């Protein structure tokens, strides 16, 4: 009997567990669910955070790709904006006299285009004539060089041997092959440059012609206080950019006149065209413009007399020093008002960021920023101290140090006597 009772109790326990767990190991209805292990369930915010992170990464990649694709267009628009700021004073004066801004902008651009085309045609004809003369006189130059070499180095060279060795050299054949294969690349580069130039002029025309409308559209999304600051910055940018071009144009005129006098004295051909070349290139191509401008007159002067090329080089170097230390500070202090060291640093930074375009617009951009910040930076009166002017009283300072040292030495002796 005891065994039967024990079997009945075990059967009842199994039935109770079956009712609690149910079939296939799942909890039965009405039974409490087992407690889940900590960390076994994914947080609700995690999927949304992953989706958001992926979306942000995709947007960043898309923006980076779009920026690299459009960086050329953005640089062209920036250059067109500064060009529009440069011609804004002329367009504004013509519009103030009753002329439509579109017509005034067209007249200004047409004048710039005519001057540029005339300069390029004149320079091209000059270069073509000089190249023909150099090719025709090449045997004479070669004979004089061979004679000079034979006299000073006691050699026995002849023009025929030199010509044969040059014509049969491998580097000349390789250079001709590379030049022939690079004609298409040069043509594509020229077409791309013309398209960029057309893009810049088109954007600049719209910026200058629709300047008031552009300012109204920009100010319409800003509160009145911000509108005043934007208009003030715009006015400063116009003044500084126009002043920069004015000072550069004046220095180009002075440089051209000075070099024209030198070319006329030396008898260098095409003196007016070379003077215009030196004036424009030396002023509107920063940092290396002077050396590029002086290379062409040196080459043409060499065809007249090799010593003339040396005189041109000396004059270019001397005039560059005169311009950097005397002429440019006086002119830029009245127009751009920027320190020469700051100008040089801005040109280097602009070249590193945007290349030649950055070097061209660096100085007016920094001058605009400096003038805009100067209107909001509070300044104080400087104390009347000789050290401000770079004067130090070295003798008095040495005497003061000696007196102080002697005073410190006497104090222990006096205290010991007391």
Protein backbone atom coordinates (compact mmCIF):
# COMPACT_ATOMS: atom_id res chain seq x y z
CA UNK A 1 0.00 0.00 0.00
CA UNK A 2 2.79 2.42 0.76
CA UNK A 3 4.30 1.74 -2.66
CA UNK A 4 1.00 2.50 -4.42
CA UNK A 5 0.60 5.76 -2.50
CA UNK A 6 4.14 6.85 -3.48
CA UNK A 7 3.47 6.09 -7.16
CA UNK A 8 0.26 8.13 -7.07
CA UNK A 9 2.11 11.14 -5.60
CA UNK A 10 4.84 10.98 -8.30
CA UNK A 11 2.17 10.80 -11.04
CA UNK A 12 0.42 13.86 -9.65
CA UNK A 13 3.72 15.80 -9.60
CA UNK A 14 4.39 14.96 -13.26
CA UNK A 15 0.87 16.04 -14.24
CA UNK A 16 1.36 19.35 -12.42
CA UNK A 17 4.66 19.98 -14.24
CA UNK A 18 3.04 19.09 -17.57
CA UNK A 19 0.23 21.51 -16.92
CA UNK A 20 2.75 24.22 -16.05
CA UNK A 21 5.15 23.64 -18.98
CA UNK A 22 2.61 22.33 -21.53
CA UNK A 23 3.45 20.33 -24.58
CA UNK A 24 6.74 20.78 -26.50
CA UNK A 25 8.29 22.61 -23.51
CA UNK A 26 6.28 25.85 -23.92
CA UNK A 27 4.68 27.62 -20.96
CA UNK A 28 1.04 26.71 -20.48
CA UNK A 29 -1.75 29.26 -20.45
CA UNK A 30 -2.08 31.06 -17.14
CA UNK A 31 1.41 30.05 -16.03
CA UNK A 32 4.01 32.75 -15.24
CA UNK A 33 6.72 33.20 -17.95
CA UNK A 34 10.29 32.38 -16.97
CA UNK A 35 12.60 35.36 -16.31
CA UNK A 36 14.80 36.31 -19.31
CA UNK A 37 18.55 36.40 -18.93
CA UNK A 38 20.03 39.91 -18.63
CA UNK A 39 21.38 41.31 -21.99
CA UNK A 40 19.66 38.66 -24.11
CA UNK A 41 17.25 41.15 -25.70
CA UNK A 42 18.34 43.92 -28.24
CA UNK A 43 17.58 47.50 -27.10
CA UNK A 44 14.88 49.24 -29.09
CA UNK A 45 17.11 52.28 -29.88
CA UNK A 46 19.96 50.24 -31.39
CA UNK A 47 18.41 49.54 -34.84
CA UNK A 48 17.40 53.16 -35.26
CA UNK A 49 20.90 54.31 -34.21
CA UNK A 50 22.51 51.96 -36.74
CA UNK A 51 20.23 53.19 -39.52
CA UNK A 52 20.96 56.81 -38.60
CA UNK A 53 24.72 56.20 -38.56
CA UNK A 54 24.60 54.51 -41.97
CA UNK A 55 22.50 57.36 -43.37
CA UNK A 56 24.94 59.97 -42.05
CA UNK A 57 27.90 58.07 -43.50
CA UNK A 58 26.15 57.78 -46.86
CA UNK A 59 25.37 61.53 -46.84
CA UNK A 60 28.99 62.32 -45.99
CA UNK A 61 30.28 60.15 -48.82
CA UNK A 62 27.80 61.68 -51.24
CA UNK A 63 28.71 65.21 -50.16
CA UNK A 64 32.43 64.47 -50.46
CA UNK A 65 31.96 63.03 -53.94
CA UNK A 66 29.83 65.99 -55.02
CA UNK A 67 32.35 68.49 -53.62
CA UNK A 68 35.26 66.88 -55.48
CA UNK A 69 33.22 66.86 -58.67
CA UNK A 70 32.16 70.51 -58.32
CA UNK A 71 35.34 72.01 -56.83
CA UNK A 72 36.37 73.37 -60.23
CA UNK A 73 33.01 75.08 -60.68
CA UNK A 74 33.13 76.50 -57.15
CA UNK A 75 36.60 77.97 -57.77
CA UNK A 76 35.38 79.54 -61.01
CA UNK A 77 32.39 81.06 -59.21
CA UNK A 78 34.65 82.45 -56.49
CA UNK A 79 36.95 84.04 -59.07
CA UNK A 80 33.93 85.43 -60.94
CA UNK A 81 32.62 86.94 -57.71
CA UNK A 82 35.89 88.79 -57.06
CA UNK A 83 35.97 89.95 -60.68
CA UNK A 84 32.44 91.30 -60.29
CA UNK A 85 33.52 93.12 -57.13
CA UNK A 86 36.45 94.62 -59.03
CA UNK A 87 34.29 96.11 -61.79
CA UNK A 88 31.47 97.11 -59.43
CA UNK A 89 32.74 100.73 -58.99
CA UNK A 90 32.80 101.34 -62.75
CA UNK A 91 29.42 99.72 -63.28
CA UNK A 92 27.97 101.61 -60.31
CA UNK A 93 29.14 104.98 -61.66
CA UNK A 94 27.67 104.29 -65.09
CA UNK A 95 24.40 103.07 -63.55
CA UNK A 96 24.21 106.18 -61.34
CA UNK A 97 24.21 108.32 -64.51
CA UNK A 98 21.07 106.61 -65.80
CA UNK A 99 22.52 103.68 -67.76
CA UNK A 100 21.09 100.22 -67.24
CA UNK A 101 23.33 97.93 -65.21
CA UNK A 102 23.25 95.22 -67.85
CA UNK A 103 24.44 97.59 -70.56
CA UNK A 104 27.05 99.13 -68.27
CA UNK A 105 28.40 95.68 -67.38
CA UNK A 106 28.51 94.71 -71.06
CA UNK A 107 30.48 97.86 -71.94
CA UNK A 108 33.03 97.21 -69.18
CA UNK A 109 33.49 93.58 -70.17
CA UNK A 110 33.70 94.47 -73.85
CA UNK A 111 36.47 96.95 -73.11
CA UNK A 112 38.38 94.37 -71.07
CA UNK A 113 37.93 91.78 -73.83
CA UNK A 114 39.13 94.12 -76.57
CA UNK A 115 42.20 95.11 -74.55
CA UNK A 116 43.01 91.47 -73.76
CA UNK A 117 42.60 90.27 -77.35
CA UNK A 118 44.67 93.18 -78.67
CA UNK A 119 47.44 92.44 -76.20
CA UNK A 120 47.48 88.72 -77.02
CA UNK A 121 47.52 89.38 -80.78
CA UNK A 122 50.32 91.93 -80.45
CA UNK A 123 52.34 89.63 -78.21
CA UNK A 124 51.75 86.65 -80.49
CA UNK A 125 52.90 88.52 -83.59
CA UNK A 126 55.96 89.74 -81.69
CA UNK A 127 56.84 86.22 -80.55
CA UNK A 128 56.29 84.77 -84.01
CA UNK A 129 58.59 87.36 -85.57
CA UNK A 130 61.26 86.81 -82.94
CA UNK A 131 61.11 83.04 -83.32
CA UNK A 132 61.56 83.35 -87.09
CA UNK A 133 64.52 85.69 -86.60
CA UNK A 134 66.10 83.35 -84.06
CA UNK A 135 65.72 80.36 -86.39
CA UNK A 136 67.23 82.28 -89.29
CA UNK A 137 70.15 83.55 -87.21
CA UNK A 138 70.72 80.28 -85.36
CA UNK A 139 73.79 79.33 -87.47
CA UNK A 140 75.37 82.69 -86.67
CA UNK A 141 74.72 82.26 -82.95
CA UNK A 142 76.12 78.75 -83.08
CA UNK A 143 79.26 79.90 -84.91
CA UNK A 144 79.93 82.63 -82.36
CA UNK A 145 79.45 80.16 -79.51
CA UNK A 146 81.77 77.61 -81.11
CA UNK A 147 84.44 80.24 -81.74
CA UNK A 148 84.23 81.43 -78.14
CA UNK A 149 84.54 77.84 -76.89
CA UNK A 150 87.51 77.09 -79.13
CA UNK A 151 89.33 80.23 -78.03
CA UNK A 152 88.82 79.80 -74.28
CA UNK A 153 89.02 76.01 -73.96
CA UNK A 154 91.45 75.28 -76.83
CA UNK A 155 89.09 72.90 -78.61
CA UNK A 156 88.61 72.24 -82.33
CA UNK A 157 84.85 72.09 -82.67
CA UNK A 158 83.05 72.75 -85.94
CA UNK A 159 79.45 73.66 -86.65
CA UNK A 160 78.88 70.61 -88.88
CA UNK A 161 80.02 68.19 -86.19
CA UNK A 162 77.87 69.88 -83.54
CA UNK A 163 74.79 69.85 -85.81
CA UNK A 164 75.28 66.18 -86.68
CA UNK A 165 75.72 65.18 -83.05
CA UNK A 166 72.61 67.10 -82.05
CA UNK A 167 70.46 65.74 -84.88
CA UNK A 168 71.56 62.14 -84.24
CA UNK A 169 71.10 62.32 -80.47
CA UNK A 170 68.45 60.14 -78.90
CA UNK A 171 67.02 62.81 -76.63
CA UNK A 172 66.10 65.01 -79.61
CA UNK A 173 64.22 62.19 -81.32
CA UNK A 174 62.46 61.34 -78.09
CA UNK A 175 61.53 65.00 -77.57
CA UNK A 176 60.07 65.22 -81.09
CA UNK A 177 58.02 62.08 -80.52
CA UNK A 178 56.70 63.33 -77.18
CA UNK A 179 55.87 66.70 -78.69
CA UNK A 180 53.95 65.09 -81.54
CA UNK A 181 51.97 62.89 -79.15
CA UNK A 182 51.25 65.83 -76.83
CA UNK A 183 49.57 68.01 -79.47
CA UNK A 184 46.15 66.59 -78.62
CA UNK A 185 46.74 67.13 -74.92
CA UNK A 186 47.70 70.76 -75.51
CA UNK A 187 44.61 71.29 -77.66
CA UNK A 188 42.36 69.77 -75.00
CA UNK A 189 43.99 71.95 -72.35
CA UNK A 190 43.43 75.09 -74.43
CA UNK A 191 39.79 74.22 -75.03
CA UNK A 192 39.29 73.52 -71.33
CA UNK A 193 40.92 76.84 -70.45
CA UNK A 194 38.68 78.72 -72.88
CA UNK A 195 35.61 77.03 -71.42
CA UNK A 196 36.66 77.96 -67.87
CA UNK A 197 37.31 81.54 -68.96
CA UNK A 198 33.88 81.73 -70.57
CA UNK A 199 32.29 80.32 -67.41
CA UNK A 200 34.05 82.89 -65.23
CA UNK A 201 33.01 85.79 -67.46
CA UNK A 202 29.41 84.57 -67.60
CA UNK A 203 29.05 84.27 -63.82
CA UNK A 204 30.87 87.55 -63.31
CA UNK A 205 28.52 89.29 -65.74
CA UNK A 206 25.46 88.06 -63.85
CA UNK A 207 26.99 88.98 -60.48
CA UNK A 208 27.75 92.53 -61.65
CA UNK A 209 24.56 93.11 -63.63
CA UNK A 210 22.25 91.70 -60.95
CA UNK A 211 24.24 92.97 -57.96
CA UNK A 212 21.36 94.86 -56.28
CA UNK A 213 18.97 91.97 -56.83
CA UNK A 214 21.51 89.52 -55.40
CA UNK A 215 21.99 91.70 -52.31
CA UNK A 216 18.24 91.98 -51.80
CA UNK A 217 17.81 88.21 -52.12
CA UNK A 218 20.58 87.64 -49.59
CA UNK A 219 19.28 90.21 -47.11
CA UNK A 220 15.69 88.98 -47.36
CA UNK A 221 16.53 85.84 -45.34
CA UNK A 222 18.36 87.73 -42.59
CA UNK A 223 17.17 89.90 -39.68
CA UNK A 224 17.73 93.67 -39.96
CA UNK A 225 20.85 93.66 -37.77
CA UNK A 226 22.50 90.96 -39.89
CA UNK A 227 21.48 92.75 -43.08
CA UNK A 228 23.49 95.81 -42.02
CA UNK A 229 26.57 93.68 -41.36
CA UNK A 230 26.27 91.89 -44.72
CA UNK A 231 25.90 95.14 -46.62
CA UNK A 232 28.85 96.61 -44.74
CA UNK A 233 31.00 93.57 -45.58
CA UNK A 234 29.91 93.80 -49.22
CA UNK A 235 30.89 97.48 -49.38
CA UNK A 236 34.28 96.79 -47.77
CA UNK A 237 34.91 93.94 -50.23
CA UNK A 238 34.14 96.22 -53.18
CA UNK A 239 36.43 98.96 -51.86
CA UNK A 240 39.34 96.63 -51.08
CA UNK A 241 39.11 94.64 -54.32
CA UNK A 242 38.85 97.80 -56.39
CA UNK A 243 41.71 99.37 -54.45
CA UNK A 244 43.85 96.29 -54.99
CA UNK A 245 43.29 96.36 -58.75
CA UNK A 246 43.83 100.12 -58.81
CA UNK A 247 47.18 99.84 -57.02
CA UNK A 248 48.25 96.93 -59.21
CA UNK A 249 47.28 98.79 -62.36
CA UNK A 250 49.21 101.87 -61.25
CA UNK A 251 52.30 99.79 -60.43
CA UNK A 252 51.96 98.01 -63.79
CA UNK A 253 51.94 101.41 -65.53
CA UNK A 254 55.04 102.58 -63.66
CA UNK A 255 56.85 99.29 -64.28
CA UNK A 256 55.97 99.34 -67.96
CA UNK A 257 57.23 102.90 -68.42
CA UNK A 258 60.50 102.15 -66.59
CA UNK A 259 61.20 99.02 -68.62
CA UNK A 260 60.20 100.78 -71.86
CA UNK A 261 62.88 103.40 -71.24
CA UNK A 262 65.46 100.64 -70.69
CA UNK A 263 64.44 98.74 -73.84
CA UNK A 264 64.61 101.91 -75.92
CA UNK A 265 68.08 102.75 -74.59
CA UNK A 266 69.35 99.24 -75.38
CA UNK A 267 67.62 99.13 -78.75
CA UNK A 268 65.61 96.00 -77.96
CA UNK A 269 62.93 95.39 -80.64
CA UNK A 270 59.22 95.49 -79.80
CA UNK A 271 59.90 97.72 -76.80
CA UNK A 272 56.24 98.87 -76.29
CA UNK A 273 54.84 95.34 -76.34
CA UNK A 274 57.57 94.08 -74.03
CA UNK A 275 56.94 96.94 -71.62
CA UNK A 276 53.23 96.11 -71.47
CA UNK A 277 54.10 92.43 -70.98
CA UNK A 278 56.44 93.16 -68.08
CA UNK A 279 53.99 95.56 -66.42
CA UNK A 280 50.96 93.26 -66.54
CA UNK A 281 52.62 89.92 -65.82
CA UNK A 282 54.81 91.23 -62.99
CA UNK A 283 51.84 92.77 -61.16
CA UNK A 284 48.95 90.39 -61.76
CA UNK A 285 50.84 87.11 -61.30
CA UNK A 286 51.94 87.16 -57.66
CA UNK A 287 55.31 86.00 -56.29
CA UNK A 288 56.85 84.66 -59.53
CA UNK A 289 55.33 87.15 -61.95
CA UNK A 290 58.40 89.38 -61.97
CA UNK A 291 60.71 86.57 -63.03
CA UNK A 292 58.30 85.30 -65.68
CA UNK A 293 57.92 88.84 -66.99
CA UNK A 294 61.68 89.39 -67.20
CA UNK A 295 62.42 86.12 -69.00
CA UNK A 296 60.93 87.17 -72.33
CA UNK A 297 62.77 90.55 -72.59
CA UNK A 298 66.01 88.79 -71.64
CA UNK A 299 65.51 86.26 -74.43
CA UNK A 300 64.82 88.93 -77.04
CA UNK A 301 67.67 91.11 -75.78
CA UNK A 302 70.00 88.11 -76.11
CA UNK A 303 69.25 87.98 -79.85
CA UNK A 304 70.56 91.55 -80.14
CA UNK A 305 73.57 91.26 -77.81
CA UNK A 306 74.21 88.74 -75.00
CA UNK A 307 75.39 91.58 -72.75
CA UNK A 308 72.01 93.29 -73.18
CA UNK A 309 70.34 90.27 -71.61
CA UNK A 310 72.59 90.68 -68.58
CA UNK A 311 71.68 94.38 -68.34
CA UNK A 312 67.98 93.50 -68.49
CA UNK A 313 68.43 90.94 -65.70
CA UNK A 314 70.22 93.47 -63.48
CA UNK A 315 67.56 96.10 -64.10
CA UNK A 316 64.72 93.65 -63.34
CA UNK A 317 66.30 92.66 -60.02
CA UNK A 318 67.04 96.26 -58.98
CA UNK A 319 63.60 97.49 -59.96
CA UNK A 320 61.97 94.63 -58.05
CA UNK A 321 63.73 95.72 -54.87
CA UNK A 322 62.69 99.33 -55.45
CA UNK A 323 59.11 98.25 -55.98
CA UNK A 324 58.97 95.97 -52.94
CA UNK A 325 60.50 98.37 -50.43
CA UNK A 326 59.53 101.83 -51.67
CA UNK A 327 56.77 101.88 -54.27
CA UNK A 328 54.42 99.11 -53.18
CA UNK A 329 54.16 100.07 -49.47
CA UNK A 330 53.20 103.65 -50.34
CA UNK A 331 50.55 102.61 -52.85
CA UNK A 332 49.03 99.71 -50.94
CA UNK A 333 48.87 101.70 -47.70
CA UNK A 334 46.38 104.02 -49.39
CA UNK A 335 44.36 101.36 -51.19
CA UNK A 336 44.62 97.90 -49.63
CA UNK A 337 46.31 98.82 -46.30
CA UNK A 338 47.84 95.43 -45.59
CA UNK A 339 51.29 94.67 -44.21
CA UNK A 340 53.78 93.22 -46.74
CA UNK A 341 54.44 90.18 -44.52
CA UNK A 342 50.71 89.51 -44.24
CA UNK A 343 50.35 89.91 -48.00
CA UNK A 344 53.19 87.46 -48.64
CA UNK A 345 51.76 84.93 -46.19
CA UNK A 346 48.28 85.27 -47.67
CA UNK A 347 49.65 84.63 -51.17
CA UNK A 348 51.41 81.47 -49.98
CA UNK A 349 48.28 80.26 -48.18
CA UNK A 350 46.08 81.05 -51.17
CA UNK A 351 48.44 79.18 -53.49
CA UNK A 352 48.42 76.15 -51.20
CA UNK A 353 44.61 76.13 -51.07
CA UNK A 354 43.50 77.10 -54.57
CA UNK A 355 46.64 77.32 -56.68
CA UNK A 356 47.01 80.29 -59.03
CA UNK A 357 43.45 81.45 -58.35
CA UNK A 358 44.12 81.53 -54.63
CA UNK A 359 47.31 83.53 -55.16
CA UNK A 360 45.38 86.06 -57.24
CA UNK A 361 42.50 86.65 -54.82
CA UNK A 362 44.40 86.13 -51.55
CA UNK A 363 45.41 89.76 -50.98
CA UNK A 364 41.97 91.37 -51.57
CA UNK A 365 40.30 88.63 -49.53
CA UNK A 366 42.64 89.13 -46.56
CA UNK A 367 42.35 92.91 -46.86
CA UNK A 368 38.55 92.63 -46.79
CA UNK A 369 38.63 90.36 -43.75
CA UNK A 370 41.09 92.63 -41.98
CA UNK A 371 38.99 95.73 -42.63
CA UNK A 372 35.77 93.98 -41.59
CA UNK A 373 37.27 92.71 -38.33
CA UNK A 374 38.84 96.09 -37.66
CA UNK A 375 35.38 97.63 -37.47
CA UNK A 376 34.39 95.30 -34.61
CA UNK A 377 37.66 94.84 -32.69
CA UNK A 378 38.03 97.30 -29.82
CA UNK A 379 41.37 99.12 -29.72
CA UNK A 380 43.08 100.88 -26.79
CA UNK A 381 45.62 103.68 -26.52
CA UNK A 382 49.19 102.41 -26.33
CA UNK A 383 51.24 103.52 -23.34
CA UNK A 384 54.11 105.90 -23.97
CA UNK A 385 56.88 103.37 -23.34
CA UNK A 386 60.22 103.39 -25.20
CA UNK A 387 59.98 99.61 -25.59
CA UNK A 388 56.94 100.05 -27.80
CA UNK A 389 59.12 101.84 -30.33
CA UNK A 390 61.90 99.27 -30.06
CA UNK A 391 64.17 101.40 -27.85
CA UNK A 392 65.72 99.80 -24.79
CA UNK A 393 67.94 101.55 -22.29
CA UNK A 394 70.63 98.92 -22.10
CA UNK A 395 73.04 101.03 -20.07
CA UNK A 396 70.47 101.91 -17.42
CA UNK A 397 69.34 98.28 -17.24
CA UNK A 398 72.92 97.08 -16.60
CA UNK A 399 73.48 99.74 -13.91
CA UNK A 400 70.20 98.77 -12.20
CA UNK A 401 71.24 95.10 -12.14
CA UNK A 402 74.64 95.97 -10.64
CA UNK A 403 73.07 98.16 -7.96
CA UNK A 404 70.61 95.42 -7.08
CA UNK A 405 73.39 92.83 -6.80
CA UNK A 406 75.51 95.09 -4.59
CA UNK A 407 72.50 95.81 -2.37
CA UNK A 408 71.90 92.08 -1.85
CA UNK A 409 75.56 91.56 -0.93
CA UNK A 410 75.59 94.37 1.66
CA UNK A 411 72.48 93.15 3.51
CA UNK A 412 74.08 90.05 5.21
CA UNK A 413 77.10 92.13 6.26
CA UNK A 414 74.92 94.85 7.83
CA UNK A 415 72.75 92.30 9.61
CA UNK A 416 75.85 90.56 11.00
CA UNK A 417 77.18 93.82 12.40
CA UNK A 418 73.91 94.53 14.15
